[in-house]
Amino acid sequence: MKKRSNARRVDGILVLDKPAGMTSNAALQRAKGIYFARKAGHTGSLDPLATGVLPLCFGEATKWSQFLLDSDKEYVTTVALGVTTDTGDADGAVLEERSAAAVDEAAVDAVLARFRGEIEQVPPMYSALKRNGVPLYELARKGEVVEREPRRVTIHALERLAWRPGERAELRLRVLASKGTYVRVLAGDIGAALGCGAHVATLHRSQAGPFRDADAVTLERLEALRAERAFEELDRLLLPAERALAHLPEVRLAEASCFHLAQGQAVTGSRLPAPGLVRIAGEDGKFRGVGEVLDDRRVAPRRMGAA
């Protein structure tokens, strides 16, 4: 006999403040259980060591998770100079120790300038990227190292927030970067450029796409509401799915046009923005999905919501 599920339909985006020491998937499963949600997914992993903004998509909102995966991210990190580790962060085994006593603020600022803008990064072995279907971190745990192709990423901002000199100097940074940027790799490359090596001591994601620290909710708060069976209050913490698309220009279309878009057909429109992705709304202002303004001034569907 099939076991009956008590899961319920939950739609929206929960911005979780992920605690340190927990994988992103473990945090997702905890939140999913608290909500008794049928369907949920996260929008890009944070390392177990990291804390901060982890948007979780429930139900219909999972349709828009790719737009959050593709968004820029902001981090605040403490970089420990003089020590390199196999994972690039404080969770790893120490590979080498060197004195950072000769490094000063001027040297730090000169090196940081080299890492702003478009740069190349070699993904770390301790990552979820796969080689022949096997995650690199599994190979790394066996002591295997495979060649990885450099990837181009963009460092939009790299700001020194604090500096403590010494044998084991510490550098606190704000990093605003494009998708796919590894802060661990950035820290290691900065340490190599300074001649002393480095690793990430702490990492906090303060923004993911349009979502910031102020939007985030802790697991402790969620669990307290669950213990009180305050499901209405839990549901009020969910943000509408279109918040993930706030950066896209809105196009309002007639109901007939929205219907044709939902059927996979391109439509014509007036007063359209420049070619590119747009947020589709009906005449009533209700969010309908994502389209793309084409060069011929038609709007094509790219990801439409439920009718």
C-alpha atoms as a PDB file:
ATOM      1  CA  MET A   1       0.000   0.000   0.000  1.00  0.00           C
ATOM      2  CA  LYS A   2       1.375   3.417  -0.988  1.00  0.00           C
ATOM      3  CA  LYS A   3       2.255   5.615   1.954  1.00  0.00           C
ATOM      4  CA  ARG A   4       0.176   8.780   2.019  1.00  0.00           C
ATOM      5  CA  SER A   5       2.218  11.971   1.999  1.00  0.00           C
ATOM      6  CA  ASN A   6       1.346  14.903   4.258  1.00  0.00           C
ATOM      7  CA  ALA A   7       3.310  17.308   2.036  1.00  0.00           C
ATOM      8  CA  ARG A   8       1.489  20.451   0.968  1.00  0.00           C
ATOM      9  CA  ARG A   9       1.784  22.799  -1.983  1.00  0.00           C
ATOM     10  CA  VAL A  10       3.979  25.741  -1.095  1.00  0.00           C
ATOM     11  CA  ASP A  11       4.863  28.449  -3.640  1.00  0.00           C
ATOM     12  CA  GLY A  12       7.367  31.274  -3.260  1.00  0.00           C
ATOM     13  CA  ILE A  13      10.959  32.110  -2.393  1.00  0.00           C
ATOM     14  CA  LEU A  14      12.392  31.774   1.084  1.00  0.00           C
ATOM     15  CA  VAL A  15      15.623  33.678   1.654  1.00  0.00           C
ATOM     16  CA  LEU A  16      17.447  31.562   4.197  1.00  0.00           C
ATOM     17  CA  ASP A  17      20.334  32.729   6.349  1.00  0.00           C
ATOM     18  CA  LYS A  18      22.405  29.556   6.032  1.00  0.00           C
ATOM     19  CA  PRO A  19      24.364  28.707   9.193  1.00  0.00           C
ATOM     20  CA  ALA A  20      28.019  27.685   9.178  1.00  0.00           C
ATOM     21  CA  GLY A  21      28.848  23.982   9.183  1.00  0.00           C
ATOM     22  CA  MET A  22      25.873  22.917   7.062  1.00  0.00           C
ATOM     23  CA  THR A  23      25.719  22.053   3.376  1.00  0.00           C
ATOM     24  CA  SER A  24      23.278  23.957   1.188  1.00  0.00           C
ATOM     25  CA  ASN A  25      21.350  20.766   0.488  1.00  0.00           C
ATOM     26  CA  ALA A  26      21.045  19.958   4.191  1.00  0.00           C
ATOM     27  CA  ALA A  27      19.716  23.486   4.805  1.00  0.00           C
ATOM     28  CA  LEU A  28      17.237  23.044   1.954  1.00  0.00           C
ATOM     29  CA  GLN A  29      15.967  19.740   3.318  1.00  0.00           C
ATOM     30  CA  ARG A  30      15.519  21.246   6.803  1.00  0.00           C
ATOM     31  CA  ALA A  31      13.493  24.153   5.418  1.00  0.00           C
ATOM     32  CA  LYS A  32      11.486  21.868   3.139  1.00  0.00           C
ATOM     33  CA  GLY A  33      10.593  19.679   6.122  1.00  0.00           C
ATOM     34  CA  ILE A  34       9.585  22.675   8.231  1.00  0.00           C
ATOM     35  CA  TYR A  35       7.172  23.787   5.518  1.00  0.00           C
ATOM     36  CA  PHE A  36       5.971  20.247   4.667  1.00  0.00           C
ATOM     37  CA  ALA A  37       6.676  21.371   1.088  1.00  0.00           C
ATOM     38  CA  ARG A  38       6.201  19.033  -1.858  1.00  0.00           C
ATOM     39  CA  LYS A  39       8.815  20.627  -4.082  1.00  0.00           C
ATOM     40  CA  ALA A  40      11.837  22.812  -3.361  1.00  0.00           C
ATOM     41  CA  GLY A  41      15.295  23.609  -4.666  1.00  0.00           C
ATOM     42  CA  HIS A  42      18.168  25.943  -3.859  1.00  0.00           C
ATOM     43  CA  THR A  43      19.750  28.437  -6.219  1.00  0.00           C
ATOM     44  CA  GLY A  44      23.459  27.717  -6.046  1.00  0.00           C
ATOM     45  CA  SER A  45      25.482  26.112  -3.288  1.00  0.00           C
ATOM     46  CA  LEU A  46      27.303  27.794  -0.451  1.00  0.00           C
ATOM     47  CA  ASP A  47      30.292  25.979   1.055  1.00  0.00           C
ATOM     48  CA  PRO A  48      29.605  24.386   4.469  1.00  0.00           C
ATOM     49  CA  LEU A  49      31.938  26.954   6.070  1.00  0.00           C
ATOM     50  CA  ALA A  50      29.953  29.838   4.557  1.00  0.00           C
ATOM     51  CA  THR A  51      26.973  31.647   6.032  1.00  0.00           C
ATOM     52  CA  GLY A  52      24.394  33.991   4.597  1.00  0.00           C
ATOM     53  CA  VAL A  53      21.900  34.498   1.811  1.00  0.00           C
ATOM     54  CA  LEU A  54      20.650  31.244   0.274  1.00  0.00           C
ATOM     55  CA  PRO A  55      17.414  31.713  -1.704  1.00  0.00           C
ATOM     56  CA  LEU A  56      15.240  28.582  -1.672  1.00  0.00           C
ATOM     57  CA  CYS A  57      12.541  28.160  -4.300  1.00  0.00           C
ATOM     58  CA  PHE A  58       9.310  26.331  -3.429  1.00  0.00           C
ATOM     59  CA  GLY A  59       6.735  24.974  -5.861  1.00  0.00           C
ATOM     60  CA  GLU A  60       6.106  27.221  -8.883  1.00  0.00           C
ATOM     61  CA  ALA A  61       9.061  29.412  -7.907  1.00  0.00           C
ATOM     62  CA  THR A  62      11.463  26.615  -8.906  1.00  0.00           C
ATOM     63  CA  LYS A  63      10.758  27.655 -12.515  1.00  0.00           C
ATOM     64  CA  TRP A  64      12.762  30.832 -11.908  1.00  0.00           C
ATOM     65  CA  SER A  65      15.707  29.337 -10.015  1.00  0.00           C
ATOM     66  CA  GLN A  66      17.965  29.571 -13.075  1.00  0.00           C
ATOM     67  CA  PHE A  67      17.682  33.348 -13.041  1.00  0.00           C
ATOM     68  CA  LEU A  68      19.031  33.369  -9.473  1.00  0.00           C
ATOM     69  CA  LEU A  69      21.775  30.910 -10.392  1.00  0.00           C
ATOM     70  CA  ASP A  70      22.846  33.327 -13.132  1.00  0.00           C
ATOM     71  CA  SER A  71      22.780  36.424 -10.904  1.00  0.00           C
ATOM     72  CA  ASP A  72      25.683  38.335  -9.367  1.00  0.00           C
ATOM     73  CA  LYS A  73      26.604  37.569  -5.751  1.00  0.00           C
ATOM     74  CA  GLU A  74      28.132  39.690  -2.988  1.00  0.00           C
ATOM     75  CA  TYR A  75      30.359  38.281  -0.243  1.00  0.00           C
ATOM     76  CA  VAL A  76      32.206  39.521   2.816  1.00  0.00           C
ATOM     77  CA  THR A  77      35.205  37.338   3.543  1.00  0.00           C
ATOM     78  CA  THR A  78      38.150  37.194   5.921  1.00  0.00           C
ATOM     79  CA  VAL A  79      41.292  36.031   4.133  1.00  0.00           C
ATOM     80  CA  ALA A  80      44.047  34.542   6.288  1.00  0.00           C
ATOM     81  CA  LEU A  81      47.473  35.224   4.766  1.00  0.00           C
ATOM     82  CA  GLY A  82      50.488  32.981   5.205  1.00  0.00           C
ATOM     83  CA  VAL A  83      48.691  29.622   5.167  1.00  0.00           C
ATOM     84  CA  THR A  84      47.432  27.653   2.169  1.00  0.00           C
ATOM     85  CA  THR A  85      45.067  24.676   2.497  1.00  0.00           C
ATOM     86  CA  ASP A  86      43.989  21.920   0.139  1.00  0.00           C
ATOM     87  CA  THR A  87      40.381  23.175   0.032  1.00  0.00           C
ATOM     88  CA  GLY A  88      41.231  26.878  -0.052  1.00  0.00           C
ATOM     89  CA  ASP A  89      39.379  27.503   3.207  1.00  0.00           C
ATOM     90  CA  ALA A  90      39.714  26.896   6.941  1.00  0.00           C
ATOM     91  CA  ASP A  91      38.101  23.436   6.663  1.00  0.00           C
ATOM     92  CA  GLY A  92      41.037  22.063   4.680  1.00  0.00           C
ATOM     93  CA  ALA A  93      44.374  20.510   5.571  1.00  0.00           C
ATOM     94  CA  VAL A  94      47.368  22.869   5.706  1.00  0.00           C
ATOM     95  CA  LEU A  95      49.635  22.534   2.675  1.00  0.00           C
ATOM     96  CA  GLU A  96      52.158  25.312   3.321  1.00  0.00           C
ATOM     97  CA  GLU A  97      52.926  28.047   5.860  1.00  0.00           C
ATOM     98  CA  ARG A  98      54.887  31.213   5.094  1.00  0.00           C
ATOM     99  CA  SER A  99      55.353  34.505   6.907  1.00  0.00           C
ATOM    100  CA  ALA A 100      53.125  37.406   5.802  1.00  0.00           C
ATOM    101  CA  ALA A 101      55.023  39.940   7.937  1.00  0.00           C
ATOM    102  CA  ALA A 102      56.475  41.740   4.908  1.00  0.00           C
ATOM    103  CA  VAL A 103      53.049  42.423   3.389  1.00  0.00           C
ATOM    104  CA  ASP A 104      51.703  45.936   3.924  1.00  0.00           C
ATOM    105  CA  GLU A 105      48.550  47.841   2.924  1.00  0.00           C
ATOM    106  CA  ALA A 106      50.163  49.311  -0.182  1.00  0.00           C
ATOM    107  CA  ALA A 107      51.099  45.850  -1.449  1.00  0.00           C
ATOM    108  CA  VAL A 108      47.591  44.573  -0.718  1.00  0.00           C
ATOM    109  CA  ASP A 109      45.918  47.438  -2.566  1.00  0.00           C
ATOM    110  CA  ALA A 110      48.204  47.034  -5.573  1.00  0.00           C
ATOM    111  CA  VAL A 111      47.385  43.319  -5.808  1.00  0.00           C
ATOM    112  CA  LEU A 112      43.637  43.832  -5.351  1.00  0.00           C
ATOM    113  CA  ALA A 113      43.618  46.201  -8.328  1.00  0.00           C
ATOM    114  CA  ARG A 114      44.862  43.343 -10.521  1.00  0.00           C
ATOM    115  CA  PHE A 115      41.838  41.195  -9.694  1.00  0.00           C
ATOM    116  CA  ARG A 116      39.089  43.700 -10.501  1.00  0.00           C
ATOM    117  CA  GLY A 117      37.201  43.313 -13.748  1.00  0.00           C
ATOM    118  CA  GLU A 118      37.220  40.248 -15.988  1.00  0.00           C
ATOM    119  CA  ILE A 119      39.669  37.584 -14.822  1.00  0.00           C
ATOM    120  CA  GLU A 120      40.310  33.876 -15.307  1.00  0.00           C
ATOM    121  CA  GLN A 121      39.894  31.336 -12.513  1.00  0.00           C
ATOM    122  CA  VAL A 122      40.799  27.669 -12.425  1.00  0.00           C
ATOM    123  CA  PRO A 123      37.968  25.892 -10.538  1.00  0.00           C
ATOM    124  CA  PRO A 124      39.158  24.168  -7.353  1.00  0.00           C
ATOM    125  CA  MET A 125      39.381  20.399  -7.004  1.00  0.00           C
ATOM    126  CA  TYR A 126      37.134  20.658  -3.954  1.00  0.00           C
ATOM    127  CA  SER A 127      34.054  21.686  -5.947  1.00  0.00           C
ATOM    128  CA  ALA A 128      30.838  20.119  -7.223  1.00  0.00           C
ATOM    129  CA  LEU A 129      31.931  20.338 -10.843  1.00  0.00           C
ATOM    130  CA  LYS A 130      31.973  16.928 -12.477  1.00  0.00           C
ATOM    131  CA  ARG A 131      34.483  14.978 -14.522  1.00  0.00           C
ATOM    132  CA  ASN A 132      32.970  12.000 -16.353  1.00  0.00           C
ATOM    133  CA  GLY A 133      29.962  12.224 -14.043  1.00  0.00           C
ATOM    134  CA  VAL A 134      32.036  12.219 -10.837  1.00  0.00           C
ATOM    135  CA  PRO A 135      32.163  15.371  -8.639  1.00  0.00           C
ATOM    136  CA  LEU A 136      35.663  16.793  -8.402  1.00  0.00           C
ATOM    137  CA  TYR A 137      35.524  16.779  -4.600  1.00  0.00           C
ATOM    138  CA  GLU A 138      35.172  12.980  -4.652  1.00  0.00           C
ATOM    139  CA  LEU A 139      38.323  12.708  -6.761  1.00  0.00           C
ATOM    140  CA  ALA A 140      40.105  15.195  -4.488  1.00  0.00           C
ATOM    141  CA  ARG A 141      39.270  13.117  -1.413  1.00  0.00           C
ATOM    142  CA  LYS A 142      41.027  10.181  -3.100  1.00  0.00           C
ATOM    143  CA  GLY A 143      44.099  12.332  -3.647  1.00  0.00           C
ATOM    144  CA  GLU A 144      43.467  12.689  -7.385  1.00  0.00           C
ATOM    145  CA  VAL A 145      44.079  15.935  -9.249  1.00  0.00           C
ATOM    146  CA  VAL A 146      42.726  16.448 -12.763  1.00  0.00           C
ATOM    147  CA  GLU A 147      43.253  19.288 -15.191  1.00  0.00           C
ATOM    148  CA  ARG A 148      40.579  21.996 -15.086  1.00  0.00           C
ATOM    149  CA  GLU A 149      40.000  24.574 -17.788  1.00  0.00           C
ATOM    150  CA  PRO A 150      40.175  28.222 -16.655  1.00  0.00           C
ATOM    151  CA  ARG A 151      36.854  30.069 -16.586  1.00  0.00           C
ATOM    152  CA  ARG A 152      36.244  33.753 -17.172  1.00  0.00           C
ATOM    153  CA  VAL A 153      34.444  35.538 -14.351  1.00  0.00           C
ATOM    154  CA  THR A 154      33.915  39.202 -13.542  1.00  0.00           C
ATOM    155  CA  ILE A 155      34.851  40.831 -10.240  1.00  0.00           C
ATOM    156  CA  HIS A 156      32.615  43.918 -10.228  1.00  0.00           C
ATOM    157  CA  ALA A 157      33.897  45.163  -6.866  1.00  0.00           C
ATOM    158  CA  LEU A 158      36.807  44.144  -4.636  1.00  0.00           C
ATOM    159  CA  GLU A 159      37.015  46.380  -1.581  1.00  0.00           C
ATOM    160  CA  ARG A 160      39.397  46.196   1.366  1.00  0.00           C
ATOM    161  CA  LEU A 161      37.300  46.550   4.525  1.00  0.00           C
ATOM    162  CA  ALA A 162      39.969  45.844   7.130  1.00  0.00           C
ATOM    163  CA  TRP A 163      43.633  44.909   7.380  1.00  0.00           C
ATOM    164  CA  ARG A 164      45.621  43.389  10.249  1.00  0.00           C
ATOM    165  CA  PRO A 165      49.344  42.972   9.512  1.00  0.00           C
ATOM    166  CA  GLY A 166      51.636  40.355  10.993  1.00  0.00           C
ATOM    167  CA  GLU A 167      53.098  36.880  10.516  1.00  0.00           C
ATOM    168  CA  ARG A 168      49.549  35.631  10.046  1.00  0.00           C
ATOM    169  CA  ALA A 169      48.005  38.760   8.552  1.00  0.00           C
ATOM    170  CA  GLU A 170      44.256  39.009   7.939  1.00  0.00           C
ATOM    171  CA  LEU A 171      42.458  40.815   5.160  1.00  0.00           C
ATOM    172  CA  ARG A 172      38.719  41.500   5.174  1.00  0.00           C
ATOM    173  CA  LEU A 173      37.139  42.015   1.758  1.00  0.00           C
ATOM    174  CA  ARG A 174      33.833  42.810   0.101  1.00  0.00           C
ATOM    175  CA  VAL A 175      33.505  40.946  -3.187  1.00  0.00           C
ATOM    176  CA  LEU A 176      30.789  41.526  -5.791  1.00  0.00           C
ATOM    177  CA  ALA A 177      31.188  38.951  -8.538  1.00  0.00           C
ATOM    178  CA  SER A 178      29.488  37.236 -11.443  1.00  0.00           C
ATOM    179  CA  LYS A 179      28.056  33.736 -11.281  1.00  0.00           C
ATOM    180  CA  GLY A 180      30.569  30.908 -11.038  1.00  0.00           C
ATOM    181  CA  THR A 181      33.143  32.910  -9.066  1.00  0.00           C
ATOM    182  CA  TYR A 182      34.962  30.960  -6.369  1.00  0.00           C
ATOM    183  CA  VAL A 183      35.953  33.263  -3.501  1.00  0.00           C
ATOM    184  CA  ARG A 184      38.288  30.504  -2.245  1.00  0.00           C
ATOM    185  CA  VAL A 185      40.175  30.635  -5.536  1.00  0.00           C
ATOM    186  CA  LEU A 186      40.222  34.439  -5.499  1.00  0.00           C
ATOM    187  CA  ALA A 187      41.700  34.418  -1.973  1.00  0.00           C
ATOM    188  CA  GLY A 188      44.312  31.846  -2.960  1.00  0.00           C
ATOM    189  CA  ASP A 189      45.286  33.805  -6.074  1.00  0.00           C
ATOM    190  CA  ILE A 190      45.599  37.015  -4.044  1.00  0.00           C
ATOM    191  CA  GLY A 191      47.800  35.189  -1.532  1.00  0.00           C
ATOM    192  CA  ALA A 192      49.984  33.805  -4.318  1.00  0.00           C
ATOM    193  CA  ALA A 193      50.348  37.287  -5.831  1.00  0.00           C
ATOM    194  CA  LEU A 194      51.431  38.620  -2.419  1.00  0.00           C
ATOM    195  CA  GLY A 195      54.010  35.828  -2.159  1.00  0.00           C
ATOM    196  CA  CYS A 196      52.764  34.322   1.085  1.00  0.00           C
ATOM    197  CA  GLY A 197      49.732  32.214   0.215  1.00  0.00           C
ATOM    198  CA  ALA A 198      46.254  32.550   1.712  1.00  0.00           C
ATOM    199  CA  HIS A 199      42.972  30.835   2.444  1.00  0.00           C
ATOM    200  CA  VAL A 200      39.411  31.850   3.307  1.00  0.00           C
ATOM    201  CA  ALA A 201      38.940  31.952   7.079  1.00  0.00           C
ATOM    202  CA  THR A 202      35.309  33.114   7.034  1.00  0.00           C
ATOM    203  CA  LEU A 203      32.814  33.669   4.232  1.00  0.00           C
ATOM    204  CA  HIS A 204      29.420  35.351   4.342  1.00  0.00           C
ATOM    205  CA  ARG A 205      27.188  35.841   1.315  1.00  0.00           C
ATOM    206  CA  SER A 206      25.412  39.149   1.831  1.00  0.00           C
ATOM    207  CA  GLN A 207      23.536  39.257  -1.478  1.00  0.00           C
ATOM    208  CA  ALA A 208      22.333  36.881  -4.195  1.00  0.00           C
ATOM    209  CA  GLY A 209      20.655  38.651  -7.088  1.00  0.00           C
ATOM    210  CA  PRO A 210      17.990  40.977  -5.632  1.00  0.00           C
ATOM    211  CA  PHE A 211      18.026  39.312  -2.190  1.00  0.00           C
ATOM    212  CA  ARG A 212      20.083  40.700   0.690  1.00  0.00           C
ATOM    213  CA  ASP A 213      20.801  39.976   4.357  1.00  0.00           C
ATOM    214  CA  ALA A 214      17.743  42.009   5.363  1.00  0.00           C
ATOM    215  CA  ASP A 215      15.517  39.490   3.536  1.00  0.00           C
ATOM    216  CA  ALA A 216      17.041  36.430   5.203  1.00  0.00           C
ATOM    217  CA  VAL A 217      15.440  34.264   7.888  1.00  0.00           C
ATOM    218  CA  THR A 218      17.273  31.869  10.199  1.00  0.00           C
ATOM    219  CA  LEU A 219      16.474  28.187  10.594  1.00  0.00           C
ATOM    220  CA  GLU A 220      15.948  28.833  14.302  1.00  0.00           C
ATOM    221  CA  ARG A 221      13.111  31.242  13.556  1.00  0.00           C
ATOM    222  CA  LEU A 222      11.540  28.821  11.091  1.00  0.00           C
ATOM    223  CA  GLU A 223      11.755  25.951  13.570  1.00  0.00           C
ATOM    224  CA  ALA A 224      10.205  28.064  16.334  1.00  0.00           C
ATOM    225  CA  LEU A 225       7.243  28.911  14.094  1.00  0.00           C
ATOM    226  CA  ARG A 226       6.913  25.273  13.077  1.00  0.00           C
ATOM    227  CA  ALA A 227       6.864  24.239  16.761  1.00  0.00           C
ATOM    228  CA  GLU A 228       4.003  26.700  17.278  1.00  0.00           C
ATOM    229  CA  ARG A 229       2.310  25.352  14.109  1.00  0.00           C
ATOM    230  CA  ALA A 230       2.198  28.944  12.883  1.00  0.00           C
ATOM    231  CA  PHE A 231       1.941  27.997   9.209  1.00  0.00           C
ATOM    232  CA  GLU A 232       0.270  31.229   8.152  1.00  0.00           C
ATOM    233  CA  GLU A 233       3.192  33.189   9.559  1.00  0.00           C
ATOM    234  CA  LEU A 234       5.642  30.802   7.922  1.00  0.00           C
ATOM    235  CA  ASP A 235       3.914  31.335   4.586  1.00  0.00           C
ATOM    236  CA  ARG A 236       4.096  35.110   5.010  1.00  0.00           C
ATOM    237  CA  LEU A 237       7.875  34.782   5.035  1.00  0.00           C
ATOM    238  CA  LEU A 238       7.749  33.532   1.434  1.00  0.00           C
ATOM    239  CA  LEU A 239       8.467  36.159  -1.205  1.00  0.00           C
ATOM    240  CA  PRO A 240       6.683  36.183  -4.586  1.00  0.00           C
ATOM    241  CA  ALA A 241       8.545  34.376  -7.355  1.00  0.00           C
ATOM    242  CA  GLU A 242       8.742  37.516  -9.499  1.00  0.00           C
ATOM    243  CA  ARG A 243      11.089  39.077  -6.923  1.00  0.00           C
ATOM    244  CA  ALA A 244      13.786  36.890  -8.478  1.00  0.00           C
ATOM    245  CA  LEU A 245      13.227  38.764 -11.747  1.00  0.00           C
ATOM    246  CA  ALA A 246      13.051  42.322 -10.429  1.00  0.00           C
ATOM    247  CA  HIS A 247      16.092  43.283 -12.504  1.00  0.00           C
ATOM    248  CA  LEU A 248      14.211  42.588 -15.771  1.00  0.00           C
ATOM    249  CA  PRO A 249      12.099  45.306 -17.435  1.00  0.00           C
ATOM    250  CA  GLU A 250       8.352  44.665 -17.250  1.00  0.00           C
ATOM    251  CA  VAL A 251       6.154  44.345 -20.325  1.00  0.00           C
ATOM    252  CA  ARG A 252       2.368  44.371 -19.903  1.00  0.00           C
ATOM    253  CA  LEU A 253       0.413  42.531 -22.540  1.00  0.00           C
ATOM    254  CA  ALA A 254      -3.220  41.888 -23.357  1.00  0.00           C
ATOM    255  CA  GLU A 255      -4.765  38.678 -22.030  1.00  0.00           C
ATOM    256  CA  ALA A 256      -4.934  37.224 -25.547  1.00  0.00           C
ATOM    257  CA  SER A 257      -1.194  37.787 -25.976  1.00  0.00           C
ATOM    258  CA  CYS A 258      -0.474  36.154 -22.611  1.00  0.00           C
ATOM    259  CA  PHE A 259      -2.546  33.160 -23.694  1.00  0.00           C
ATOM    260  CA  HIS A 260      -0.545  32.754 -26.921  1.00  0.00           C
ATOM    261  CA  LEU A 261       2.738  33.092 -25.028  1.00  0.00           C
ATOM    262  CA  ALA A 262       1.604  30.312 -22.683  1.00  0.00           C
ATOM    263  CA  GLN A 263       1.057  28.158 -25.785  1.00  0.00           C
ATOM    264  CA  GLY A 264       4.637  28.762 -26.894  1.00  0.00           C
ATOM    265  CA  GLN A 265       3.843  31.358 -29.557  1.00  0.00           C
ATOM    266  CA  ALA A 266       5.586  34.698 -30.061  1.00  0.00           C
ATOM    267  CA  VAL A 267       3.381  37.799 -30.008  1.00  0.00           C
ATOM    268  CA  THR A 268       3.623  41.417 -31.084  1.00  0.00           C
ATOM    269  CA  GLY A 269       3.613  44.272 -28.610  1.00  0.00           C
ATOM    270  CA  SER A 270       3.900  48.032 -28.395  1.00  0.00           C
ATOM    271  CA  ARG A 271       6.275  50.243 -26.401  1.00  0.00           C
ATOM    272  CA  LEU A 272       8.728  47.393 -25.968  1.00  0.00           C
ATOM    273  CA  PRO A 273      12.186  47.834 -24.407  1.00  0.00           C
ATOM    274  CA  ALA A 274      15.407  46.925 -26.197  1.00  0.00           C
ATOM    275  CA  PRO A 275      15.866  43.284 -27.249  1.00  0.00           C
ATOM    276  CA  GLY A 276      16.510  41.001 -24.299  1.00  0.00           C
ATOM    277  CA  LEU A 277      14.755  39.204 -21.465  1.00  0.00           C
ATOM    278  CA  VAL A 278      11.650  40.819 -19.962  1.00  0.00           C
ATOM    279  CA  ARG A 279       9.181  40.148 -17.163  1.00  0.00           C
ATOM    280  CA  ILE A 280       5.698  39.521 -18.591  1.00  0.00           C
ATOM    281  CA  ALA A 281       2.616  40.840 -16.838  1.00  0.00           C
ATOM    282  CA  GLY A 282      -1.030  40.769 -17.898  1.00  0.00           C
ATOM    283  CA  GLU A 283      -3.246  43.815 -18.194  1.00  0.00           C
ATOM    284  CA  ASP A 284      -4.096  43.371 -14.519  1.00  0.00           C
ATOM    285  CA  GLY A 285      -0.408  43.634 -13.592  1.00  0.00           C
ATOM    286  CA  LYS A 286      -0.217  39.984 -12.544  1.00  0.00           C
ATOM    287  CA  PHE A 287       3.101  38.271 -13.240  1.00  0.00           C
ATOM    288  CA  ARG A 288       2.881  35.680 -16.030  1.00  0.00           C
ATOM    289  CA  GLY A 289       6.433  34.646 -16.828  1.00  0.00           C
ATOM    290  CA  VAL A 290       9.612  35.546 -18.682  1.00  0.00           C
ATOM    291  CA  GLY A 291       9.796  36.439 -22.347  1.00  0.00           C
ATOM    292  CA  GLU A 292      12.371  37.831 -24.709  1.00  0.00           C
ATOM    293  CA  VAL A 293      12.011  40.864 -26.935  1.00  0.00           C
ATOM    294  CA  LEU A 294      13.362  39.813 -30.334  1.00  0.00           C
ATOM    295  CA  ASP A 295      15.104  41.953 -32.931  1.00  0.00           C
ATOM    296  CA  ASP A 296      11.919  41.979 -35.029  1.00  0.00           C
ATOM    297  CA  ARG A 297      10.044  43.545 -32.049  1.00  0.00           C
ATOM    298  CA  ARG A 298       8.059  40.447 -31.191  1.00  0.00           C
ATOM    299  CA  VAL A 299       7.983  38.915 -27.721  1.00  0.00           C
ATOM    300  CA  ALA A 300       8.824  35.202 -27.494  1.00  0.00           C
ATOM    301  CA  PRO A 301       8.096  33.034 -24.425  1.00  0.00           C
ATOM    302  CA  ARG A 302      11.106  31.810 -22.464  1.00  0.00           C
ATOM    303  CA  ARG A 303       9.598  30.529 -19.188  1.00  0.00           C
ATOM    304  CA  MET A 304       5.926  30.981 -18.494  1.00  0.00           C
ATOM    305  CA  GLY A 305       4.082  30.342 -15.241  1.00  0.00           C
ATOM    306  CA  ALA A 306       1.008  28.190 -14.725  1.00  0.00           C
ATOM    307  CA  ALA A 307      -2.043  29.387 -16.603  1.00  0.00           C
END
